[in-house]
Amino acid sequence: MTQDSICITGVGLTCSMGHSYDEFTNNLLSQVSGIEPVAEFDVSDHPSQIASLIGKIPCPEGFDETEYYSRLRIEQCGIWCAETAMRHAGLQDRPSGLRIGLVLGLGAEWMQSWEMDYRRGGRRAFDPTEEPAGMTTKVHRFLNLRGPQLTISAACASGNWALAQGRRWLEMGWVDLCLAGACDIGVTPLSMAGFGNLRALSRKNDTPHAALRPFDSDRDGMVLGEGGAVFVLEKTAAAKARGARRYADVAGFGASSDAFHMVIPCPEPQHGIAAMQQALGDARISPSEIGYINAHATGTPVGDICEAKILQSVLGESVDQVPISSTKSLTGHLLSAAAAIEAVACLTVLDQQLIPPTINLDHPDPECAMLRHVRGKPESVNVDVTVSNSFGFGGNNTCLVLKKAA
């Protein structure tokens, strides 16, 4: 990579599997499932009664807890992830003049706010003019950042888009550092009812840890999750100059839109293929150089087969050689934050040289069996290049390539 390549130097996250990079990594490689029965609200009349929930989001050290916990949980999520990412990068005492950009992937932000308000007897859903500033603006103000800010809403692909945009800002010289990632606190009565009525959610309520089964013949849908991840991006030369640890280079990105249906995956693979080929071309790598693929694989009957076709086409002769897994089997599907948390999983692979398996993959679907699935236990590898697919509702197809920092 050149001196001007863009690298990741810090990670802040929260999800059911931990509130820090190290905690998440340990639980991921130990195969600790975050999926449990929902107890936060009544789900007795819901077809799916399980989810991957955070619980209480920690308050960053030095912040006023009363003020912090008075905020919406989605704001707490964004503040925690962004602030701890800066600290993880060794930037807790950042210079006052530093231009720090903020790009956050978010989805249904106002719907969540309106639903919580309505459940408390409020009427904000009927008068949106009462709504205060958006969440990205609130995090930007709270952390006193001095750079541009942007909200990206591209469904499950939002986190990949945020990292691509943050990389671009740095390449253009618009910022000195960029915080990029995605957050979603989307496990609510309304979301569970909506996805449940779409028959998109697993109904294996009696066995929550075994419910989400990507690529398995017995899969019956996804399991909702919540959380977020934010990354510190900076130019490699600047990171080296201050002696920062570099977790990976953001090497490639590709995107396409199939515009097939709002919620049903496109049955034809060419659009997903285009996104992956763009990303590999951007990173200047061939399919045979990929050391690991974090599949989007949500555990839905249609979606997993579609992705298997995409992977088979892109990988070609390497289809039975490139290790693939779906970490959603452990984390659940974090919706708009899915791509961000799966980018953390890719960092784990590069860092630990271990691939987390797809759990619950007992009987691979014959239509997905051509893939080189990692299952059962983590697999020790020699990996320099990882790829993460995120194919979102509405036909938002993205692919992210992360390389081991040179």
Protein backbone atom coordinates (compact mmCIF):
# COMPACT_ATOMS: atom_id res chain seq x y z
CA MET A 1 0.00 0.00 0.00
CA THR A 2 1.13 3.58 -0.58
CA GLN A 3 1.84 6.06 2.16
CA ASP A 4 -1.52 7.65 1.46
CA SER A 5 -3.53 4.48 2.03
CA ILE A 6 -6.31 4.77 4.61
CA CYS A 7 -6.10 2.64 7.73
CA ILE A 8 -8.19 1.81 10.78
CA THR A 9 -6.51 2.78 14.04
CA GLY A 10 -9.37 2.51 16.54
CA VAL A 11 -12.61 0.61 17.11
CA GLY A 12 -15.52 1.41 19.42
CA LEU A 13 -18.48 -0.93 19.60
CA THR A 14 -21.38 -2.22 21.60
CA CYS A 15 -23.54 -5.26 20.96
CA SER A 16 -24.81 -8.32 22.80
CA MET A 17 -21.32 -9.83 22.61
CA GLY A 18 -19.46 -7.02 24.30
CA HIS A 19 -18.75 -3.32 24.62
CA SER A 20 -15.14 -3.29 23.39
CA TYR A 21 -13.02 -4.71 20.60
CA ASP A 22 -11.24 -7.18 22.91
CA GLU A 23 -14.43 -8.39 24.57
CA PHE A 24 -16.17 -8.85 21.23
CA THR A 25 -13.17 -10.69 19.76
CA ASN A 26 -12.98 -13.09 22.71
CA ASN A 27 -16.69 -13.89 22.61
CA LEU A 28 -16.72 -14.21 18.82
CA LEU A 29 -13.89 -16.74 18.78
CA SER A 30 -15.35 -18.53 21.82
CA GLN A 31 -18.68 -18.80 19.95
CA VAL A 32 -20.69 -17.08 22.68
CA SER A 33 -24.12 -16.45 21.18
CA GLY A 34 -25.79 -13.14 22.02
CA ILE A 35 -29.28 -14.35 21.08
CA GLU A 36 -31.71 -14.72 23.98
CA PRO A 37 -35.47 -14.54 24.71
CA VAL A 38 -36.77 -10.95 24.68
CA ALA A 39 -37.69 -9.78 28.18
CA GLU A 40 -37.62 -6.00 27.68
CA PHE A 41 -41.21 -5.89 26.40
CA ASP A 42 -44.12 -8.25 25.93
CA VAL A 43 -43.61 -10.55 22.94
CA SER A 44 -46.23 -13.16 23.83
CA ASP A 45 -48.25 -12.39 20.67
CA HIS A 46 -45.20 -12.21 18.38
CA PRO A 47 -44.26 -15.15 16.14
CA SER A 48 -40.56 -14.55 16.92
CA GLN A 49 -39.71 -13.94 20.57
CA ILE A 50 -35.92 -13.88 20.52
CA ALA A 51 -33.33 -11.22 19.71
CA SER A 52 -29.75 -10.12 20.29
CA LEU A 53 -29.96 -7.24 22.78
CA ILE A 54 -27.30 -5.00 24.31
CA GLY A 55 -28.81 -4.26 27.68
CA LYS A 56 -27.38 -1.19 29.38
CA ILE A 57 -24.95 0.77 27.22
CA PRO A 58 -21.96 1.93 29.31
CA CYS A 59 -21.34 5.60 29.92
CA PRO A 60 -17.86 6.70 28.75
CA GLU A 61 -15.50 7.56 31.57
CA GLY A 62 -15.59 11.24 32.53
CA PHE A 63 -19.09 11.93 31.19
CA ASP A 64 -22.07 12.94 33.30
CA GLU A 65 -24.09 9.74 33.75
CA THR A 66 -27.37 11.49 34.51
CA GLU A 67 -27.17 13.54 31.33
CA TYR A 68 -25.94 10.55 29.28
CA TYR A 69 -28.73 8.22 30.36
CA SER A 70 -31.36 10.90 29.77
CA ARG A 71 -30.65 10.53 26.04
CA LEU A 72 -32.24 8.07 23.63
CA ARG A 73 -30.47 4.70 23.54
CA ILE A 74 -29.52 5.22 19.89
CA GLU A 75 -27.68 8.40 20.96
CA GLN A 76 -25.98 6.54 23.79
CA CYS A 77 -24.91 3.91 21.27
CA GLY A 78 -23.41 6.51 18.91
CA ILE A 79 -21.66 8.44 21.68
CA TRP A 80 -20.20 5.30 23.27
CA CYS A 81 -18.95 3.87 19.97
CA ALA A 82 -17.43 7.14 18.72
CA GLU A 83 -15.80 8.14 22.01
CA THR A 84 -14.35 4.69 22.76
CA ALA A 85 -13.07 4.43 19.18
CA MET A 86 -11.08 7.62 19.73
CA ARG A 87 -9.68 6.31 22.99
CA HIS A 88 -8.88 2.94 21.41
CA ALA A 89 -6.87 4.84 18.80
CA GLY A 90 -4.96 6.70 21.52
CA LEU A 91 -6.70 9.99 20.76
CA GLN A 92 -8.34 10.75 24.10
CA ASP A 93 -6.24 13.95 24.30
CA ARG A 94 -6.76 15.12 20.73
CA PRO A 95 -5.52 18.55 19.58
CA SER A 96 -8.30 21.14 19.56
CA GLY A 97 -7.77 22.11 15.93
CA LEU A 98 -8.00 18.57 14.53
CA ARG A 99 -10.58 18.25 11.74
CA ILE A 100 -12.49 15.12 12.71
CA GLY A 101 -15.28 14.03 10.37
CA LEU A 102 -18.22 11.87 11.37
CA VAL A 103 -20.10 9.49 9.05
CA LEU A 104 -22.81 7.35 10.65
CA GLY A 105 -25.02 4.76 9.05
CA LEU A 106 -28.50 4.86 10.55
CA GLY A 107 -31.88 3.41 9.66
CA ALA A 108 -35.42 4.27 10.69
CA GLU A 109 -34.03 6.78 13.18
CA TRP A 110 -37.23 8.80 13.45
CA MET A 111 -39.46 5.70 13.45
CA GLN A 112 -37.68 4.43 16.56
CA SER A 113 -37.91 7.82 18.26
CA TRP A 114 -41.59 8.19 17.38
CA GLU A 115 -42.42 4.67 18.53
CA MET A 116 -40.81 5.18 21.94
CA ASP A 117 -42.53 8.54 22.31
CA TYR A 118 -45.91 7.09 21.31
CA ARG A 119 -45.58 4.24 23.81
CA ARG A 120 -45.09 6.92 26.49
CA GLY A 121 -48.25 8.69 25.37
CA GLY A 122 -46.55 11.30 23.17
CA ARG A 123 -47.70 12.66 19.80
CA ARG A 124 -44.43 13.46 18.02
CA ALA A 125 -45.19 10.97 15.25
CA PHE A 126 -48.11 13.19 14.20
CA ASP A 127 -46.11 16.42 14.28
CA PRO A 128 -42.56 15.71 13.04
CA THR A 129 -41.70 19.42 13.24
CA GLU A 130 -41.26 18.84 16.97
CA GLU A 131 -38.39 16.43 16.30
CA PRO A 132 -34.99 17.77 17.44
CA ALA A 133 -31.72 17.42 15.53
CA GLY A 134 -30.74 14.07 14.05
CA MET A 135 -28.58 11.59 15.89
CA THR A 136 -25.41 12.24 13.88
CA THR A 137 -25.68 15.95 14.66
CA LYS A 138 -26.19 15.21 18.35
CA VAL A 139 -23.12 12.96 18.53
CA HIS A 140 -21.10 15.51 16.56
CA ARG A 141 -22.06 18.28 19.01
CA PHE A 142 -21.68 16.14 22.11
CA LEU A 143 -18.11 15.17 21.19
CA ASN A 144 -17.31 18.72 20.02
CA LEU A 145 -15.98 17.56 16.65
CA ARG A 146 -14.59 20.05 14.13
CA GLY A 147 -15.19 18.42 10.78
CA PRO A 148 -18.03 17.57 8.38
CA GLN A 149 -20.80 15.18 9.35
CA LEU A 150 -23.04 12.90 7.30
CA THR A 151 -25.80 10.38 7.91
CA ILE A 152 -26.04 7.43 5.51
CA SER A 153 -29.15 5.27 5.31
CA ALA A 154 -28.62 2.24 3.08
CA ALA A 155 -30.27 -0.47 5.19
CA CYS A 156 -27.90 -3.34 6.08
CA ALA A 157 -25.19 -1.87 3.83
CA SER A 158 -24.97 1.42 5.77
CA GLY A 159 -21.78 0.57 7.67
CA ASN A 160 -19.84 -0.32 4.52
CA TRP A 161 -21.00 2.89 2.86
CA ALA A 162 -19.89 4.90 5.91
CA LEU A 163 -16.38 3.43 5.79
CA ALA A 164 -16.16 4.11 2.05
CA GLN A 165 -17.26 7.72 2.53
CA GLY A 166 -14.84 8.26 5.40
CA ARG A 167 -12.01 6.90 3.27
CA ARG A 168 -12.97 9.31 0.48
CA TRP A 169 -13.02 12.35 2.79
CA LEU A 170 -9.47 11.55 3.89
CA GLU A 171 -8.29 11.01 0.32
CA MET A 172 -9.78 14.39 -0.64
CA GLY A 173 -8.05 16.11 2.28
CA TRP A 174 -11.31 17.32 3.80
CA VAL A 175 -10.52 15.86 7.24
CA ASP A 176 -7.51 14.90 9.34
CA LEU A 177 -9.34 11.95 10.91
CA CYS A 178 -12.73 10.42 10.29
CA LEU A 179 -15.06 8.52 12.57
CA ALA A 180 -17.10 6.15 10.42
CA GLY A 181 -19.51 3.38 11.32
CA ALA A 182 -23.14 2.58 11.98
CA CYS A 183 -25.59 2.13 14.86
CA ASP A 184 -29.05 0.63 15.21
CA ILE A 185 -31.29 0.10 18.23
CA GLY A 186 -34.02 -1.51 16.17
CA VAL A 187 -35.42 -4.28 18.36
CA THR A 188 -38.80 -2.80 19.25
CA PRO A 189 -42.39 -4.11 19.31
CA LEU A 190 -43.05 -2.45 15.95
CA SER A 191 -39.95 -3.81 14.22
CA MET A 192 -40.49 -7.31 15.56
CA ALA A 193 -44.11 -7.21 14.43
CA GLY A 194 -43.19 -5.92 10.99
CA PHE A 195 -40.39 -8.37 10.29
CA GLY A 196 -42.44 -11.12 11.91
CA ASN A 197 -45.37 -10.46 9.60
CA LEU A 198 -42.98 -10.60 6.65
CA ARG A 199 -42.05 -14.09 7.90
CA ALA A 200 -38.43 -12.94 7.86
CA LEU A 201 -37.73 -13.89 11.50
CA SER A 202 -36.83 -17.28 12.94
CA ARG A 203 -39.55 -18.88 15.04
CA LYS A 204 -37.23 -21.24 16.88
CA ASN A 205 -38.09 -19.54 20.17
CA ASP A 206 -37.31 -22.56 22.36
CA THR A 207 -33.69 -22.77 21.18
CA PRO A 208 -32.48 -19.16 20.80
CA HIS A 209 -28.77 -20.01 20.48
CA ALA A 210 -29.56 -22.47 17.70
CA ALA A 211 -32.19 -20.35 15.96
CA LEU A 212 -30.12 -18.42 13.41
CA ARG A 213 -28.79 -20.94 10.89
CA PRO A 214 -27.12 -19.31 7.87
CA PHE A 215 -26.72 -21.62 4.87
CA ASP A 216 -28.30 -24.52 6.79
CA SER A 217 -31.12 -26.60 5.34
CA ASP A 218 -33.14 -26.02 8.52
CA ARG A 219 -32.92 -22.21 8.49
CA ASP A 220 -36.21 -20.35 8.89
CA GLY A 221 -35.22 -16.68 9.07
CA MET A 222 -33.07 -14.08 10.75
CA VAL A 223 -32.94 -12.90 14.37
CA LEU A 224 -32.93 -9.15 15.04
CA GLY A 225 -30.07 -7.58 16.92
CA GLU A 226 -28.97 -4.15 18.10
CA GLY A 227 -25.71 -2.31 18.58
CA GLY A 228 -23.11 -0.45 16.61
CA ALA A 229 -19.47 0.00 15.69
CA VAL A 230 -17.45 3.09 14.82
CA PHE A 231 -13.91 3.14 13.40
CA VAL A 232 -11.16 5.75 13.45
CA LEU A 233 -9.84 6.20 9.93
CA GLU A 234 -6.66 8.10 9.13
CA LYS A 235 -3.96 8.27 6.51
CA THR A 236 -1.26 5.66 6.94
CA ALA A 237 1.51 8.27 6.96
CA ALA A 238 -0.18 10.20 9.79
CA ALA A 239 -0.82 7.01 11.78
CA LYS A 240 2.81 5.95 11.45
CA ALA A 241 4.01 9.41 12.44
CA ARG A 242 2.21 9.25 15.77
CA GLY A 243 3.06 5.56 16.35
CA ALA A 244 -0.54 4.36 16.19
CA ARG A 245 -1.43 0.71 15.91
CA ARG A 246 -2.94 0.02 12.48
CA TYR A 247 -5.58 -2.73 12.47
CA ALA A 248 -6.19 -2.83 8.72
CA ASP A 249 -6.18 -0.83 5.51
CA VAL A 250 -9.53 0.04 3.94
CA ALA A 251 -8.45 -1.31 0.57
CA GLY A 252 -11.56 -1.66 -1.56
CA PHE A 253 -15.25 -0.91 -1.84
CA GLY A 254 -17.93 -1.73 -4.37
CA ALA A 255 -21.65 -1.01 -4.56
CA SER A 256 -24.63 -1.62 -6.79
CA SER A 257 -28.41 -1.38 -6.65
CA ASP A 258 -30.77 -3.95 -8.10
CA ALA A 259 -33.98 -2.01 -7.34
CA PHE A 260 -35.86 -5.33 -7.45
CA HIS A 261 -38.07 -5.12 -4.35
CA MET A 262 -38.20 -3.27 -1.04
CA VAL A 263 -37.63 -6.41 1.06
CA ILE A 264 -37.23 -9.45 -1.24
CA PRO A 265 -33.67 -10.21 -2.44
CA CYS A 266 -33.17 -10.09 -6.19
CA PRO A 267 -33.17 -13.69 -7.48
CA GLU A 268 -30.60 -12.80 -10.15
CA PRO A 269 -27.01 -12.54 -8.89
CA GLN A 270 -25.54 -10.05 -11.38
CA HIS A 271 -25.96 -6.98 -9.16
CA GLY A 272 -24.28 -8.57 -6.14
CA ILE A 273 -21.58 -9.88 -8.46
CA ALA A 274 -21.00 -6.33 -9.74
CA ALA A 275 -20.54 -4.97 -6.19
CA MET A 276 -17.99 -7.67 -5.33
CA GLN A 277 -16.08 -7.25 -8.58
CA GLN A 278 -15.93 -3.47 -8.07
CA ALA A 279 -14.49 -3.95 -4.59
CA LEU A 280 -11.86 -6.46 -5.75
CA GLY A 281 -10.92 -4.16 -8.62
CA ASP A 282 -10.65 -1.18 -6.26
CA ALA A 283 -8.38 -3.21 -3.96
CA ARG A 284 -6.43 -4.58 -6.95
CA ILE A 285 -6.75 -8.18 -5.86
CA SER A 286 -7.92 -11.39 -7.51
CA PRO A 287 -10.43 -13.80 -5.97
CA SER A 288 -7.64 -16.29 -5.21
CA GLU A 289 -5.96 -13.70 -2.93
CA ILE A 290 -8.98 -13.47 -0.60
CA GLY A 291 -8.22 -15.13 2.74
CA TYR A 292 -11.69 -14.87 4.28
CA ILE A 293 -15.20 -13.75 3.37
CA ASN A 294 -17.71 -12.61 5.98
CA ALA A 295 -20.96 -13.44 4.23
CA HIS A 296 -24.07 -11.31 4.55
CA ALA A 297 -26.02 -14.58 5.03
CA THR A 298 -28.96 -13.72 7.30
CA GLY A 299 -30.48 -17.19 7.56
CA THR A 300 -33.44 -16.50 5.26
CA PRO A 301 -34.37 -19.24 2.77
CA VAL A 302 -34.09 -17.00 -0.32
CA GLY A 303 -31.25 -14.67 0.66
CA ASP A 304 -28.63 -17.28 1.48
CA ILE A 305 -29.09 -19.05 -1.85
CA CYS A 306 -28.81 -15.74 -3.71
CA GLU A 307 -25.51 -14.96 -1.99
CA ALA A 308 -24.18 -18.46 -2.64
CA LYS A 309 -24.75 -17.88 -6.37
CA ILE A 310 -22.97 -14.52 -6.17
CA LEU A 311 -19.99 -16.02 -4.37
CA GLN A 312 -19.79 -18.96 -6.77
CA SER A 313 -19.68 -16.62 -9.75
CA VAL A 314 -17.12 -14.19 -8.30
CA LEU A 315 -14.80 -16.81 -6.83
CA GLY A 316 -14.90 -19.15 -9.82
CA GLU A 317 -12.29 -21.87 -9.41
CA SER A 318 -11.52 -20.62 -5.88
CA VAL A 319 -15.08 -21.22 -4.62
CA ASP A 320 -14.07 -24.35 -2.69
CA GLN A 321 -10.88 -22.78 -1.33
CA VAL A 322 -11.80 -19.38 0.15
CA PRO A 323 -13.05 -19.72 3.78
CA ILE A 324 -16.51 -18.25 4.36
CA SER A 325 -18.62 -17.78 7.49
CA SER A 326 -21.59 -15.76 8.73
CA THR A 327 -21.04 -14.18 12.13
CA LYS A 328 -24.74 -13.24 12.24
CA SER A 329 -25.24 -16.76 13.59
CA LEU A 330 -23.75 -15.39 16.84
CA THR A 331 -24.52 -11.66 16.79
CA GLY A 332 -27.97 -11.69 15.19
CA HIS A 333 -28.76 -9.27 12.38
CA LEU A 334 -28.00 -5.70 13.51
CA LEU A 335 -29.88 -4.20 10.54
CA SER A 336 -28.27 -0.83 9.70
CA ALA A 337 -25.31 -1.66 11.96
CA ALA A 338 -24.75 -5.15 10.49
CA ALA A 339 -21.97 -4.19 8.07
CA ALA A 340 -20.11 -2.24 10.77
CA ILE A 341 -20.07 -5.06 13.32
CA GLU A 342 -19.07 -7.52 10.58
CA ALA A 343 -16.16 -5.27 9.64
CA VAL A 344 -15.02 -5.71 13.26
CA ALA A 345 -15.22 -9.48 12.74
CA CYS A 346 -12.91 -9.07 9.73
CA LEU A 347 -10.45 -7.09 11.86
CA THR A 348 -10.53 -9.97 14.34
CA VAL A 349 -9.55 -12.39 11.58
CA LEU A 350 -6.65 -10.21 10.45
CA ASP A 351 -5.55 -9.60 14.04
CA GLN A 352 -5.88 -13.11 15.46
CA GLN A 353 -5.40 -15.15 12.27
CA LEU A 354 -8.45 -17.16 13.30
CA ILE A 355 -11.72 -17.42 11.40
CA PRO A 356 -14.93 -17.49 13.48
CA PRO A 357 -17.22 -20.28 12.31
CA THR A 358 -20.84 -20.20 11.24
CA ILE A 359 -22.54 -21.89 14.17
CA ASN A 360 -25.66 -24.05 13.71
CA LEU A 361 -24.53 -25.05 10.22
CA ASP A 362 -25.24 -28.74 10.74
CA HIS A 363 -26.65 -29.64 7.33
CA PRO A 364 -25.56 -27.23 4.58
CA ASP A 365 -28.25 -26.46 2.04
CA PRO A 366 -27.34 -28.36 -1.17
CA GLU A 367 -27.70 -25.07 -3.08
CA CYS A 368 -25.05 -23.50 -0.82
CA ALA A 369 -22.83 -26.55 -0.39
CA MET A 370 -20.33 -25.46 -3.07
CA LEU A 371 -18.93 -22.87 -0.66
CA ARG A 372 -15.95 -23.47 1.64
CA HIS A 373 -17.85 -23.10 4.92
CA VAL A 374 -16.00 -22.70 8.22
CA ARG A 375 -18.12 -24.42 10.86
CA GLY A 376 -17.79 -26.14 14.19
CA LYS A 377 -14.81 -24.22 15.60
CA PRO A 378 -12.48 -21.34 14.67
CA GLU A 379 -10.01 -22.15 11.93
CA SER A 380 -6.37 -21.11 12.10
CA VAL A 381 -5.26 -19.43 8.87
CA ASN A 382 -2.70 -17.13 7.28
CA VAL A 383 -4.87 -14.22 6.13
CA ASP A 384 -3.86 -10.89 4.61
CA VAL A 385 -7.14 -9.99 2.84
CA THR A 386 -10.74 -10.15 4.09
CA VAL A 387 -13.97 -9.37 2.28
CA SER A 388 -17.32 -8.46 3.86
CA ASN A 389 -20.59 -8.56 1.92
CA SER A 390 -23.64 -6.56 2.99
CA PHE A 391 -26.77 -6.73 0.85
CA GLY A 392 -29.48 -4.46 2.24
CA PHE A 393 -33.20 -4.02 1.78
CA GLY A 394 -34.15 -2.08 -1.30
CA GLY A 395 -31.34 -3.64 -3.31
CA ASN A 396 -28.37 -1.92 -1.60
CA ASN A 397 -25.47 -4.23 -2.43
CA THR A 398 -22.00 -3.50 -1.01
CA CYS A 399 -18.68 -5.25 -0.61
CA LEU A 400 -15.78 -4.09 1.59
CA VAL A 401 -12.16 -5.24 1.33
CA LEU A 402 -9.92 -4.90 4.39
CA LYS A 403 -6.21 -5.74 4.13
CA LYS A 404 -3.67 -6.43 6.84
CA ALA A 405 -1.82 -3.17 7.45
CA ALA A 406 1.54 -3.19 5.65
